[in-house]
Amino acid sequence: MILNALFFYLFAGVTVASAFMVIASRNPVSSVLFLILAFCNSAGLFVMLGAEYLAMLLVVVYVGAVAVLFLFVVMMLDVDFVELRQGFLQYLPIGALVGLVLLIELVLGLGAWVISPEIAGHGAEPMPVLSDVSNIQAIGDVLYTKYVFFFQVAGLVLLVAMIGAIVLTLRHKENVKRQDISKQVARNKEIAIEIHKVETGKGI
C-alpha cells in the first residue's frame, strides 16, 4: 500500500510539474518535451488504475505521434513566436471569457458529483461487465465489431492529415539531382555510352 501511494504521488507530482512547465517555458521545443513527459507520467497513473488500454493509447498515439510530430513541425517551420505574442492582449478578453465558462462548467460538474455521486451514471445505459477477458480485449471486441466503420473513418482522416502535413512541409531545392525511375528504365546504349576515338599517344 505504501509503495502504491509512493508511485502515485511520484507520477502525479511529475505530471503536474510538467504540465506547468508546458505553459511556463519560453522555448516551444522545451514545452513539447515537457508535454511528452506529462503524457508518460499520465500513462503511469492509468496503469496504476488498471486502465492499460488508455496508458498504451497515451504512449503510442500522443507521445509517439502527436507530440513528436508537433516537435518536428515547430523545429522545421521556424515559427516567430515573438510576433505571435504581439496580438496577445487583443484576444485576452475572449480567452478570459472562454476560460470563465470552462471554470463554471467544471465547478458545476464537480459540485454535482460531490453533492450526489449517483448522478454521474444516471440515465446511462449499463455496459456489460466481462470478468473473463482483459480490458484491452474487451475494448477491441467492441471497437472492431460495433464501431468498426467509425474506426476506419478515423484512420482515413489521420491518413489525409499525414499526407497534408507532408505536402505542406515538403520543399524542393534547386540544383539537386533526383532519381527518375522512368529515365533509368528507358536508358539504352546510345544514351548511356559515349565512345571517343583517341589517337595514339594523346589523351582525351
N, C-alpha and C. Protein backbone atom coordinates (compact mmCIF):
# COMPACT_ATOMS: atom_id res chain seq x y z
N MET A 1 0.83 -1.20 0.00
CA MET A 1 0.00 0.00 0.00
C MET A 1 0.87 1.26 0.00
N ILE A 2 1.95 1.23 0.79
CA ILE A 2 2.84 2.38 0.85
C ILE A 2 3.53 2.59 -0.50
N LEU A 3 3.91 1.46 -1.14
CA LEU A 3 4.56 1.55 -2.45
C LEU A 3 3.62 2.13 -3.50
N ASN A 4 2.35 1.74 -3.47
CA ASN A 4 1.38 2.29 -4.42
C ASN A 4 1.20 3.79 -4.22
N ALA A 5 1.10 4.21 -2.96
CA ALA A 5 0.95 5.64 -2.68
C ALA A 5 2.20 6.42 -3.11
N LEU A 6 3.37 5.81 -2.91
CA LEU A 6 4.61 6.46 -3.31
C LEU A 6 4.67 6.69 -4.82
N PHE A 7 4.33 5.65 -5.58
CA PHE A 7 4.34 5.79 -7.03
C PHE A 7 3.26 6.76 -7.52
N PHE A 8 2.10 6.75 -6.85
CA PHE A 8 1.03 7.67 -7.23
C PHE A 8 1.48 9.12 -7.07
N TYR A 9 2.03 9.45 -5.91
CA TYR A 9 2.47 10.82 -5.69
C TYR A 9 3.64 11.19 -6.61
N LEU A 10 4.48 10.21 -6.94
CA LEU A 10 5.59 10.48 -7.86
C LEU A 10 5.07 10.82 -9.26
N PHE A 11 4.19 9.95 -9.78
CA PHE A 11 3.65 10.20 -11.12
C PHE A 11 2.80 11.48 -11.15
N ALA A 12 1.97 11.66 -10.13
CA ALA A 12 1.09 12.83 -10.11
C ALA A 12 1.90 14.12 -9.99
N GLY A 13 2.92 14.11 -9.13
CA GLY A 13 3.73 15.31 -8.96
C GLY A 13 4.48 15.70 -10.22
N VAL A 14 5.08 14.69 -10.87
CA VAL A 14 5.81 14.98 -12.11
C VAL A 14 4.85 15.43 -13.21
N THR A 15 3.65 14.85 -13.25
CA THR A 15 2.66 15.26 -14.25
C THR A 15 2.24 16.71 -14.07
N VAL A 16 1.94 17.11 -12.84
CA VAL A 16 1.52 18.49 -12.57
C VAL A 16 2.67 19.45 -12.87
N ALA A 17 3.89 19.09 -12.44
CA ALA A 17 5.03 19.97 -12.70
C ALA A 17 5.32 20.10 -14.20
N SER A 18 5.21 19.00 -14.93
CA SER A 18 5.43 19.04 -16.38
C SER A 18 4.36 19.87 -17.08
N ALA A 19 3.10 19.71 -16.64
CA ALA A 19 2.01 20.50 -17.24
C ALA A 19 2.22 21.99 -16.99
N PHE A 20 2.72 22.35 -15.81
CA PHE A 20 3.00 23.77 -15.54
C PHE A 20 4.14 24.28 -16.42
N MET A 21 5.16 23.46 -16.62
CA MET A 21 6.30 23.88 -17.44
C MET A 21 5.93 23.98 -18.92
N VAL A 22 4.89 23.26 -19.35
CA VAL A 22 4.44 23.36 -20.75
C VAL A 22 4.00 24.79 -21.06
N ILE A 23 3.28 25.41 -20.13
CA ILE A 23 2.79 26.77 -20.36
C ILE A 23 3.76 27.83 -19.85
N ALA A 24 4.71 27.46 -19.01
CA ALA A 24 5.64 28.45 -18.45
C ALA A 24 6.94 28.55 -19.24
N SER A 25 7.28 27.54 -20.00
CA SER A 25 8.54 27.55 -20.73
C SER A 25 8.47 28.52 -21.91
N ARG A 26 9.53 29.30 -22.12
CA ARG A 26 9.57 30.25 -23.22
C ARG A 26 9.96 29.59 -24.53
N ASN A 27 10.69 28.50 -24.45
CA ASN A 27 11.13 27.80 -25.66
C ASN A 27 10.04 26.80 -26.07
N PRO A 28 9.50 26.89 -27.29
CA PRO A 28 8.44 25.94 -27.70
C PRO A 28 8.92 24.50 -27.76
N VAL A 29 10.18 24.27 -28.10
CA VAL A 29 10.71 22.90 -28.13
C VAL A 29 10.72 22.31 -26.72
N SER A 30 11.12 23.11 -25.75
CA SER A 30 11.10 22.64 -24.36
C SER A 30 9.67 22.36 -23.90
N SER A 31 8.72 23.17 -24.35
CA SER A 31 7.32 22.94 -23.98
C SER A 31 6.83 21.60 -24.49
N VAL A 32 7.21 21.25 -25.73
CA VAL A 32 6.79 19.96 -26.28
C VAL A 32 7.44 18.81 -25.52
N LEU A 33 8.70 18.96 -25.15
CA LEU A 33 9.38 17.90 -24.38
C LEU A 33 8.72 17.72 -23.01
N PHE A 34 8.35 18.80 -22.36
CA PHE A 34 7.63 18.69 -21.09
C PHE A 34 6.25 18.06 -21.29
N LEU A 35 5.62 18.34 -22.44
CA LEU A 35 4.34 17.72 -22.73
C LEU A 35 4.48 16.20 -22.87
N ILE A 36 5.55 15.76 -23.53
CA ILE A 36 5.81 14.32 -23.65
C ILE A 36 6.02 13.70 -22.28
N LEU A 37 6.75 14.40 -21.41
CA LEU A 37 6.97 13.89 -20.04
C LEU A 37 5.65 13.80 -19.28
N ALA A 38 4.76 14.78 -19.46
CA ALA A 38 3.46 14.73 -18.79
C ALA A 38 2.62 13.56 -19.28
N PHE A 39 2.66 13.29 -20.59
CA PHE A 39 1.92 12.16 -21.14
C PHE A 39 2.44 10.83 -20.58
N CYS A 40 3.73 10.69 -20.50
CA CYS A 40 4.32 9.43 -20.00
C CYS A 40 3.93 9.19 -18.54
N ASN A 41 3.97 10.23 -17.72
CA ASN A 41 3.58 10.05 -16.32
C ASN A 41 2.08 9.82 -16.17
N SER A 42 1.28 10.44 -17.04
CA SER A 42 -0.15 10.16 -17.02
C SER A 42 -0.43 8.70 -17.39
N ALA A 43 0.36 8.17 -18.33
CA ALA A 43 0.23 6.75 -18.67
C ALA A 43 0.55 5.87 -17.46
N GLY A 44 1.54 6.26 -16.67
CA GLY A 44 1.83 5.52 -15.45
C GLY A 44 0.67 5.53 -14.47
N LEU A 45 -0.02 6.66 -14.37
CA LEU A 45 -1.19 6.73 -13.49
C LEU A 45 -2.31 5.82 -13.99
N PHE A 46 -2.51 5.77 -15.30
CA PHE A 46 -3.54 4.89 -15.86
C PHE A 46 -3.21 3.42 -15.62
N VAL A 47 -1.93 3.07 -15.69
CA VAL A 47 -1.53 1.69 -15.41
C VAL A 47 -1.86 1.33 -13.96
N MET A 48 -1.62 2.26 -13.04
CA MET A 48 -1.94 2.00 -11.63
C MET A 48 -3.43 1.85 -11.41
N LEU A 49 -4.25 2.52 -12.24
CA LEU A 49 -5.70 2.40 -12.12
C LEU A 49 -6.25 1.15 -12.80
N GLY A 50 -5.40 0.42 -13.53
CA GLY A 50 -5.84 -0.79 -14.21
C GLY A 50 -6.36 -0.54 -15.61
N ALA A 51 -6.19 0.70 -16.13
CA ALA A 51 -6.65 1.03 -17.49
C ALA A 51 -5.45 0.94 -18.43
N GLU A 52 -5.08 -0.29 -18.79
CA GLU A 52 -3.88 -0.47 -19.61
C GLU A 52 -4.06 0.09 -21.01
N TYR A 53 -5.30 0.00 -21.52
CA TYR A 53 -5.54 0.48 -22.88
C TYR A 53 -5.32 1.99 -22.99
N LEU A 54 -5.83 2.74 -22.00
CA LEU A 54 -5.64 4.19 -22.03
C LEU A 54 -4.17 4.55 -21.88
N ALA A 55 -3.43 3.81 -21.06
CA ALA A 55 -2.00 4.06 -20.92
C ALA A 55 -1.26 3.83 -22.23
N MET A 56 -1.58 2.72 -22.89
CA MET A 56 -0.96 2.42 -24.18
C MET A 56 -1.35 3.46 -25.22
N LEU A 57 -2.60 3.93 -25.17
CA LEU A 57 -3.07 4.94 -26.11
C LEU A 57 -2.30 6.25 -25.93
N LEU A 58 -2.06 6.63 -24.70
CA LEU A 58 -1.31 7.86 -24.43
C LEU A 58 0.11 7.77 -24.99
N VAL A 59 0.76 6.63 -24.77
CA VAL A 59 2.16 6.49 -25.19
C VAL A 59 2.26 6.37 -26.71
N VAL A 60 1.42 5.52 -27.30
CA VAL A 60 1.54 5.25 -28.74
C VAL A 60 1.03 6.41 -29.57
N VAL A 61 -0.16 6.92 -29.25
CA VAL A 61 -0.78 7.94 -30.09
C VAL A 61 -0.25 9.33 -29.77
N TYR A 62 -0.33 9.74 -28.49
CA TYR A 62 0.02 11.10 -28.15
C TYR A 62 1.52 11.32 -28.13
N VAL A 63 2.25 10.46 -27.43
CA VAL A 63 3.70 10.63 -27.37
C VAL A 63 4.36 10.24 -28.68
N GLY A 64 3.93 9.10 -29.25
CA GLY A 64 4.60 8.61 -30.44
C GLY A 64 4.22 9.31 -31.72
N ALA A 65 3.10 10.01 -31.73
CA ALA A 65 2.65 10.63 -32.98
C ALA A 65 2.43 12.12 -32.84
N VAL A 66 1.48 12.51 -31.99
CA VAL A 66 1.07 13.91 -31.93
C VAL A 66 2.20 14.80 -31.40
N ALA A 67 2.75 14.45 -30.24
CA ALA A 67 3.77 15.31 -29.63
C ALA A 67 5.04 15.35 -30.47
N VAL A 68 5.49 14.20 -30.96
CA VAL A 68 6.71 14.17 -31.77
C VAL A 68 6.49 14.91 -33.10
N LEU A 69 5.31 14.75 -33.71
CA LEU A 69 5.01 15.46 -34.95
C LEU A 69 5.00 16.97 -34.70
N PHE A 70 4.40 17.40 -33.60
CA PHE A 70 4.37 18.82 -33.26
C PHE A 70 5.79 19.34 -33.04
N LEU A 71 6.63 18.54 -32.40
CA LEU A 71 8.01 18.95 -32.16
C LEU A 71 8.74 19.16 -33.48
N PHE A 72 8.60 18.23 -34.42
CA PHE A 72 9.27 18.38 -35.70
C PHE A 72 8.71 19.55 -36.50
N VAL A 73 7.41 19.79 -36.42
CA VAL A 73 6.82 20.92 -37.13
C VAL A 73 7.36 22.24 -36.58
N VAL A 74 7.46 22.34 -35.25
CA VAL A 74 7.99 23.56 -34.64
C VAL A 74 9.44 23.78 -35.07
N MET A 75 10.22 22.70 -35.12
CA MET A 75 11.63 22.84 -35.47
C MET A 75 11.82 23.14 -36.96
N MET A 76 10.95 22.59 -37.82
CA MET A 76 11.12 22.79 -39.26
C MET A 76 10.59 24.14 -39.74
N LEU A 77 9.44 24.56 -39.22
CA LEU A 77 8.83 25.78 -39.72
C LEU A 77 9.50 27.04 -39.20
N ASP A 78 10.23 26.95 -38.10
CA ASP A 78 10.92 28.10 -37.50
C ASP A 78 9.93 29.25 -37.29
N VAL A 79 8.90 28.99 -36.49
CA VAL A 79 7.85 29.96 -36.25
C VAL A 79 8.37 31.10 -35.38
N ASP A 80 8.05 32.33 -35.76
CA ASP A 80 8.44 33.51 -34.99
C ASP A 80 7.41 33.72 -33.88
N PHE A 81 7.69 33.16 -32.69
CA PHE A 81 6.73 33.24 -31.60
C PHE A 81 6.69 34.63 -30.98
N VAL A 82 7.72 35.43 -31.18
CA VAL A 82 7.69 36.81 -30.67
C VAL A 82 6.62 37.61 -31.41
N GLU A 83 6.52 37.39 -32.71
CA GLU A 83 5.49 38.08 -33.49
C GLU A 83 4.10 37.60 -33.12
N LEU A 84 3.96 36.30 -32.81
CA LEU A 84 2.65 35.78 -32.44
C LEU A 84 2.18 36.34 -31.11
N ARG A 85 3.12 36.61 -30.19
CA ARG A 85 2.73 37.11 -28.87
C ARG A 85 2.32 38.58 -28.90
N GLN A 86 2.57 39.27 -29.99
CA GLN A 86 2.23 40.70 -30.05
C GLN A 86 0.72 40.91 -30.00
N GLY A 87 -0.07 39.98 -30.53
CA GLY A 87 -1.52 40.12 -30.51
C GLY A 87 -2.16 39.46 -29.31
N PHE A 88 -1.37 39.21 -28.25
CA PHE A 88 -1.90 38.51 -27.08
C PHE A 88 -2.96 39.33 -26.37
N LEU A 89 -2.70 40.63 -26.16
CA LEU A 89 -3.65 41.48 -25.44
C LEU A 89 -4.93 41.69 -26.23
N GLN A 90 -4.86 41.58 -27.55
CA GLN A 90 -6.04 41.78 -28.38
C GLN A 90 -7.08 40.70 -28.14
N TYR A 91 -6.61 39.44 -27.95
CA TYR A 91 -7.52 38.31 -27.76
C TYR A 91 -7.68 37.93 -26.29
N LEU A 92 -7.13 38.74 -25.39
CA LEU A 92 -7.21 38.42 -23.96
C LEU A 92 -8.64 38.41 -23.44
N PRO A 93 -9.52 39.36 -23.78
CA PRO A 93 -10.91 39.29 -23.27
C PRO A 93 -11.66 38.04 -23.72
N ILE A 94 -11.47 37.65 -25.00
CA ILE A 94 -12.16 36.44 -25.49
C ILE A 94 -11.63 35.21 -24.76
N GLY A 95 -10.31 35.13 -24.58
CA GLY A 95 -9.73 33.99 -23.87
C GLY A 95 -10.18 33.93 -22.42
N ALA A 96 -10.29 35.11 -21.78
CA ALA A 96 -10.77 35.14 -20.39
C ALA A 96 -12.22 34.69 -20.29
N LEU A 97 -13.04 35.07 -21.28
CA LEU A 97 -14.44 34.65 -21.28
C LEU A 97 -14.57 33.14 -21.45
N VAL A 98 -13.80 32.58 -22.39
CA VAL A 98 -13.83 31.13 -22.59
C VAL A 98 -13.34 30.39 -21.35
N GLY A 99 -12.27 30.91 -20.73
CA GLY A 99 -11.77 30.30 -19.51
C GLY A 99 -12.78 30.35 -18.37
N LEU A 100 -13.51 31.47 -18.27
CA LEU A 100 -14.53 31.60 -17.23
C LEU A 100 -15.66 30.59 -17.44
N VAL A 101 -16.08 30.42 -18.70
CA VAL A 101 -17.14 29.44 -19.00
C VAL A 101 -16.68 28.03 -18.63
N LEU A 102 -15.45 27.69 -19.00
CA LEU A 102 -14.93 26.36 -18.66
C LEU A 102 -14.83 26.17 -17.15
N LEU A 103 -14.44 27.22 -16.44
CA LEU A 103 -14.34 27.13 -14.98
C LEU A 103 -15.71 26.90 -14.36
N ILE A 104 -16.73 27.60 -14.85
CA ILE A 104 -18.09 27.41 -14.33
C ILE A 104 -18.57 25.99 -14.59
N GLU A 105 -18.29 25.47 -15.80
CA GLU A 105 -18.70 24.09 -16.11
C GLU A 105 -18.01 23.09 -15.18
N LEU A 106 -16.72 23.29 -14.91
CA LEU A 106 -16.00 22.38 -14.01
C LEU A 106 -16.56 22.45 -12.60
N VAL A 107 -16.84 23.68 -12.12
CA VAL A 107 -17.37 23.83 -10.77
C VAL A 107 -18.74 23.17 -10.65
N LEU A 108 -19.61 23.37 -11.67
CA LEU A 108 -20.93 22.76 -11.63
C LEU A 108 -20.85 21.23 -11.70
N GLY A 109 -19.96 20.72 -12.56
CA GLY A 109 -19.82 19.27 -12.68
C GLY A 109 -19.28 18.64 -11.41
N LEU A 110 -18.22 19.22 -10.85
CA LEU A 110 -17.65 18.67 -9.61
C LEU A 110 -18.60 18.85 -8.44
N GLY A 111 -19.30 20.00 -8.40
CA GLY A 111 -20.24 20.21 -7.31
C GLY A 111 -21.38 19.21 -7.34
N ALA A 112 -21.91 18.94 -8.53
CA ALA A 112 -23.00 17.95 -8.63
C ALA A 112 -22.51 16.56 -8.25
N TRP A 113 -21.27 16.24 -8.60
CA TRP A 113 -20.74 14.92 -8.27
C TRP A 113 -20.51 14.78 -6.78
N VAL A 114 -20.06 15.86 -6.12
CA VAL A 114 -19.84 15.80 -4.67
C VAL A 114 -21.16 15.71 -3.92
N ILE A 115 -22.16 16.49 -4.36
CA ILE A 115 -23.45 16.50 -3.67
C ILE A 115 -24.19 15.19 -3.88
N SER A 116 -24.20 14.71 -5.13
CA SER A 116 -24.94 13.48 -5.45
C SER A 116 -24.07 12.61 -6.34
N PRO A 117 -23.25 11.72 -5.80
CA PRO A 117 -22.36 10.90 -6.63
C PRO A 117 -23.09 9.99 -7.59
N GLU A 118 -24.32 9.56 -7.26
CA GLU A 118 -25.02 8.64 -8.14
C GLU A 118 -25.53 9.31 -9.41
N ILE A 119 -25.47 10.65 -9.48
CA ILE A 119 -25.97 11.33 -10.67
C ILE A 119 -25.05 11.14 -11.87
N ALA A 120 -23.80 10.75 -11.61
CA ALA A 120 -22.84 10.59 -12.70
C ALA A 120 -23.26 9.49 -13.65
N GLY A 121 -23.83 8.43 -13.14
CA GLY A 121 -24.25 7.34 -14.00
C GLY A 121 -25.73 7.31 -14.29
N HIS A 122 -26.44 8.37 -13.93
CA HIS A 122 -27.89 8.40 -14.13
C HIS A 122 -28.22 8.57 -15.60
N GLY A 123 -29.07 7.72 -16.12
CA GLY A 123 -29.50 7.82 -17.50
C GLY A 123 -28.59 7.12 -18.48
N ALA A 124 -27.47 6.63 -18.04
CA ALA A 124 -26.54 5.96 -18.94
C ALA A 124 -26.89 4.49 -19.05
N GLU A 125 -26.72 3.95 -20.23
CA GLU A 125 -27.00 2.54 -20.45
C GLU A 125 -25.91 1.69 -19.81
N PRO A 126 -26.24 0.76 -18.95
CA PRO A 126 -25.19 -0.04 -18.29
C PRO A 126 -24.45 -0.91 -19.28
N MET A 127 -23.13 -0.89 -19.16
CA MET A 127 -22.29 -1.70 -20.03
C MET A 127 -22.09 -3.08 -19.42
N PRO A 128 -22.07 -4.11 -20.24
CA PRO A 128 -21.85 -5.45 -19.69
C PRO A 128 -20.44 -5.62 -19.16
N VAL A 129 -20.32 -6.23 -18.01
CA VAL A 129 -19.03 -6.45 -17.38
C VAL A 129 -18.56 -7.85 -17.73
N LEU A 130 -17.40 -7.93 -18.38
CA LEU A 130 -16.83 -9.21 -18.77
C LEU A 130 -15.65 -9.50 -17.85
N SER A 131 -15.86 -10.44 -16.96
CA SER A 131 -14.81 -10.72 -15.97
C SER A 131 -13.75 -11.67 -16.50
N ASP A 132 -14.05 -12.41 -17.58
CA ASP A 132 -13.10 -13.41 -18.05
C ASP A 132 -12.16 -12.89 -19.12
N VAL A 133 -12.25 -11.61 -19.51
CA VAL A 133 -11.35 -11.04 -20.50
C VAL A 133 -10.70 -9.79 -19.92
N SER A 134 -9.59 -9.40 -20.54
CA SER A 134 -8.87 -8.22 -20.06
C SER A 134 -9.51 -6.96 -20.61
N ASN A 135 -9.02 -5.82 -20.12
CA ASN A 135 -9.51 -4.52 -20.56
C ASN A 135 -9.33 -4.34 -22.05
N ILE A 136 -8.13 -4.60 -22.54
CA ILE A 136 -7.80 -4.37 -23.94
C ILE A 136 -8.61 -5.28 -24.85
N GLN A 137 -8.79 -6.53 -24.45
CA GLN A 137 -9.56 -7.46 -25.27
C GLN A 137 -11.03 -7.04 -25.34
N ALA A 138 -11.59 -6.58 -24.22
CA ALA A 138 -12.99 -6.14 -24.22
C ALA A 138 -13.19 -4.92 -25.11
N ILE A 139 -12.27 -3.96 -25.03
CA ILE A 139 -12.38 -2.77 -25.89
C ILE A 139 -12.19 -3.14 -27.34
N GLY A 140 -11.25 -4.06 -27.62
CA GLY A 140 -11.03 -4.48 -29.00
C GLY A 140 -12.23 -5.20 -29.59
N ASP A 141 -12.92 -6.01 -28.77
CA ASP A 141 -14.11 -6.71 -29.26
C ASP A 141 -15.21 -5.73 -29.66
N VAL A 142 -15.37 -4.65 -28.87
CA VAL A 142 -16.40 -3.66 -29.20
C VAL A 142 -15.96 -2.79 -30.37
N LEU A 143 -14.66 -2.41 -30.38
CA LEU A 143 -14.16 -1.47 -31.39
C LEU A 143 -14.16 -2.07 -32.79
N TYR A 144 -13.81 -3.34 -32.90
CA TYR A 144 -13.70 -3.96 -34.22
C TYR A 144 -14.97 -4.70 -34.66
N THR A 145 -16.04 -4.58 -33.89
CA THR A 145 -17.32 -5.18 -34.30
C THR A 145 -18.41 -4.12 -34.42
N LYS A 146 -18.72 -3.45 -33.33
CA LYS A 146 -19.82 -2.49 -33.33
C LYS A 146 -19.42 -1.15 -33.95
N TYR A 147 -18.17 -0.74 -33.72
CA TYR A 147 -17.72 0.58 -34.17
C TYR A 147 -16.62 0.49 -35.22
N VAL A 148 -16.60 -0.56 -36.01
CA VAL A 148 -15.52 -0.74 -36.98
C VAL A 148 -15.58 0.31 -38.07
N PHE A 149 -16.78 0.74 -38.48
CA PHE A 149 -16.90 1.76 -39.53
C PHE A 149 -16.30 3.08 -39.07
N PHE A 150 -16.63 3.51 -37.85
CA PHE A 150 -16.09 4.77 -37.33
C PHE A 150 -14.58 4.67 -37.13
N PHE A 151 -14.11 3.48 -36.77
CA PHE A 151 -12.67 3.27 -36.60
C PHE A 151 -11.94 3.44 -37.92
N GLN A 152 -12.48 2.89 -39.00
CA GLN A 152 -11.86 3.02 -40.32
C GLN A 152 -11.92 4.46 -40.82
N VAL A 153 -13.03 5.16 -40.56
CA VAL A 153 -13.13 6.57 -40.97
C VAL A 153 -12.09 7.42 -40.25
N ALA A 154 -11.90 7.15 -38.96
CA ALA A 154 -10.88 7.88 -38.20
C ALA A 154 -9.49 7.62 -38.77
N GLY A 155 -9.23 6.37 -39.19
CA GLY A 155 -7.94 6.06 -39.81
C GLY A 155 -7.74 6.82 -41.11
N LEU A 156 -8.80 6.95 -41.93
CA LEU A 156 -8.70 7.70 -43.18
C LEU A 156 -8.44 9.18 -42.92
N VAL A 157 -9.10 9.73 -41.90
CA VAL A 157 -8.88 11.14 -41.55
C VAL A 157 -7.44 11.38 -41.14
N LEU A 158 -6.89 10.48 -40.32
CA LEU A 158 -5.49 10.61 -39.92
C LEU A 158 -4.55 10.46 -41.10
N LEU A 159 -4.88 9.58 -42.05
CA LEU A 159 -4.05 9.41 -43.24
C LEU A 159 -4.04 10.69 -44.08
N VAL A 160 -5.20 11.31 -44.27
CA VAL A 160 -5.27 12.57 -45.02
C VAL A 160 -4.49 13.67 -44.29
N ALA A 161 -4.58 13.70 -42.96
CA ALA A 161 -3.82 14.70 -42.20
C ALA A 161 -2.33 14.50 -42.34
N MET A 162 -1.88 13.24 -42.35
CA MET A 162 -0.46 12.97 -42.51
C MET A 162 0.04 13.39 -43.90
N ILE A 163 -0.76 13.09 -44.94
CA ILE A 163 -0.38 13.49 -46.29
C ILE A 163 -0.34 15.01 -46.41
N GLY A 164 -1.32 15.68 -45.80
CA GLY A 164 -1.32 17.14 -45.83
C GLY A 164 -0.11 17.75 -45.14
N ALA A 165 0.29 17.17 -44.00
CA ALA A 165 1.48 17.68 -43.31
C ALA A 165 2.74 17.49 -44.16
N ILE A 166 2.84 16.36 -44.86
CA ILE A 166 3.99 16.12 -45.72
C ILE A 166 4.02 17.10 -46.88
N VAL A 167 2.86 17.35 -47.49
CA VAL A 167 2.79 18.26 -48.63
C VAL A 167 3.15 19.69 -48.21
N LEU A 168 2.68 20.11 -47.02
CA LEU A 168 2.94 21.47 -46.56
C LEU A 168 4.40 21.70 -46.22
N THR A 169 5.07 20.69 -45.70
CA THR A 169 6.45 20.86 -45.27
C THR A 169 7.47 20.44 -46.31
N LEU A 170 7.02 19.86 -47.45
CA LEU A 170 7.96 19.39 -48.46
C LEU A 170 8.43 20.57 -49.29
N ARG A 171 9.73 20.73 -49.39
CA ARG A 171 10.33 21.81 -50.16
C ARG A 171 11.33 21.23 -51.15
N HIS A 172 11.18 21.60 -52.43
CA HIS A 172 12.08 21.14 -53.47
C HIS A 172 13.22 22.15 -53.63
N LYS A 173 14.43 21.67 -53.53
CA LYS A 173 15.61 22.52 -53.70
C LYS A 173 16.10 22.43 -55.14
N GLU A 174 16.57 23.57 -55.63
CA GLU A 174 17.09 23.60 -56.98
C GLU A 174 18.51 23.04 -57.02
N ASN A 175 18.91 22.62 -58.22
CA ASN A 175 20.26 22.09 -58.46
C ASN A 175 20.56 20.86 -57.60
N VAL A 176 19.52 20.06 -57.35
CA VAL A 176 19.70 18.82 -56.60
C VAL A 176 19.31 17.67 -57.50
N LYS A 177 20.22 16.73 -57.68
CA LYS A 177 19.95 15.58 -58.55
C LYS A 177 18.97 14.65 -57.85
N ARG A 178 17.90 14.29 -58.56
CA ARG A 178 16.88 13.41 -58.02
C ARG A 178 16.75 12.18 -58.92
N GLN A 179 16.34 11.11 -58.34
CA GLN A 179 16.19 9.86 -59.08
C GLN A 179 14.92 9.89 -59.91
N ASP A 180 15.05 9.54 -61.20
CA ASP A 180 13.92 9.44 -62.11
C ASP A 180 13.88 8.01 -62.65
N ILE A 181 12.96 7.23 -62.14
CA ILE A 181 12.90 5.80 -62.48
C ILE A 181 12.62 5.61 -63.97
N SER A 182 11.74 6.42 -64.54
CA SER A 182 11.38 6.24 -65.95
C SER A 182 12.58 6.49 -66.87
N LYS A 183 13.41 7.48 -66.55
CA LYS A 183 14.60 7.74 -67.37
C LYS A 183 15.61 6.61 -67.22
N GLN A 184 15.73 6.06 -66.01
CA GLN A 184 16.68 4.96 -65.81
C GLN A 184 16.25 3.71 -66.58
N VAL A 185 14.95 3.43 -66.60
CA VAL A 185 14.47 2.24 -67.32
C VAL A 185 14.60 2.44 -68.83
N ALA A 186 14.44 3.68 -69.32
CA ALA A 186 14.48 3.95 -70.75
C ALA A 186 15.90 4.11 -71.30
N ARG A 187 16.90 3.94 -70.48
CA ARG A 187 18.28 4.10 -70.97
C ARG A 187 18.65 2.98 -71.93
N ASN A 188 19.38 3.34 -72.98
CA ASN A 188 19.93 2.36 -73.91
C ASN A 188 21.40 2.67 -74.13
N LYS A 189 22.05 1.90 -74.97
CA LYS A 189 23.49 2.06 -75.12
C LYS A 189 23.84 3.38 -75.81
N GLU A 190 22.93 3.92 -76.67
CA GLU A 190 23.22 5.20 -77.31
C GLU A 190 23.23 6.35 -76.30
N ILE A 191 22.39 6.24 -75.26
CA ILE A 191 22.34 7.29 -74.25
C ILE A 191 23.39 7.06 -73.15
N ALA A 192 23.57 5.80 -72.77
CA ALA A 192 24.42 5.51 -71.62
C ALA A 192 25.90 5.47 -71.96
N ILE A 193 26.25 5.17 -73.23
CA ILE A 193 27.65 5.00 -73.59
C ILE A 193 28.04 6.08 -74.60
N GLU A 194 29.15 6.70 -74.35
CA GLU A 194 29.70 7.70 -75.27
C GLU A 194 31.10 7.24 -75.67
N ILE A 195 31.29 6.98 -76.96
CA ILE A 195 32.56 6.42 -77.46
C ILE A 195 33.39 7.54 -78.08
N HIS A 196 34.62 7.65 -77.64
CA HIS A 196 35.56 8.62 -78.19
C HIS A 196 36.72 7.87 -78.85
N LYS A 197 37.10 8.33 -80.02
CA LYS A 197 38.25 7.74 -80.72
C LYS A 197 39.48 8.53 -80.30
N VAL A 198 40.35 7.88 -79.55
CA VAL A 198 41.53 8.53 -79.01
C VAL A 198 42.72 8.15 -79.85
N GLU A 199 43.42 9.15 -80.32
CA GLU A 199 44.62 8.89 -81.12
C GLU A 199 45.75 8.39 -80.23
N THR A 200 46.61 7.62 -80.84
CA THR A 200 47.72 7.04 -80.09
C THR A 200 48.66 8.12 -79.60
N GLY A 201 49.02 8.03 -78.38
CA GLY A 201 49.96 8.99 -77.78
C GLY A 201 49.30 10.26 -77.30
N LYS A 202 48.00 10.39 -77.44
CA LYS A 202 47.29 11.58 -76.97
C LYS A 202 46.17 11.15 -76.03
N GLY A 203 45.93 11.98 -75.07
CA GLY A 203 44.86 11.68 -74.13
C GLY A 203 43.54 12.30 -74.58
N ILE A 204 42.55 12.12 -73.77
CA ILE A 204 41.24 12.69 -74.12
C ILE A 204 41.23 14.18 -73.78
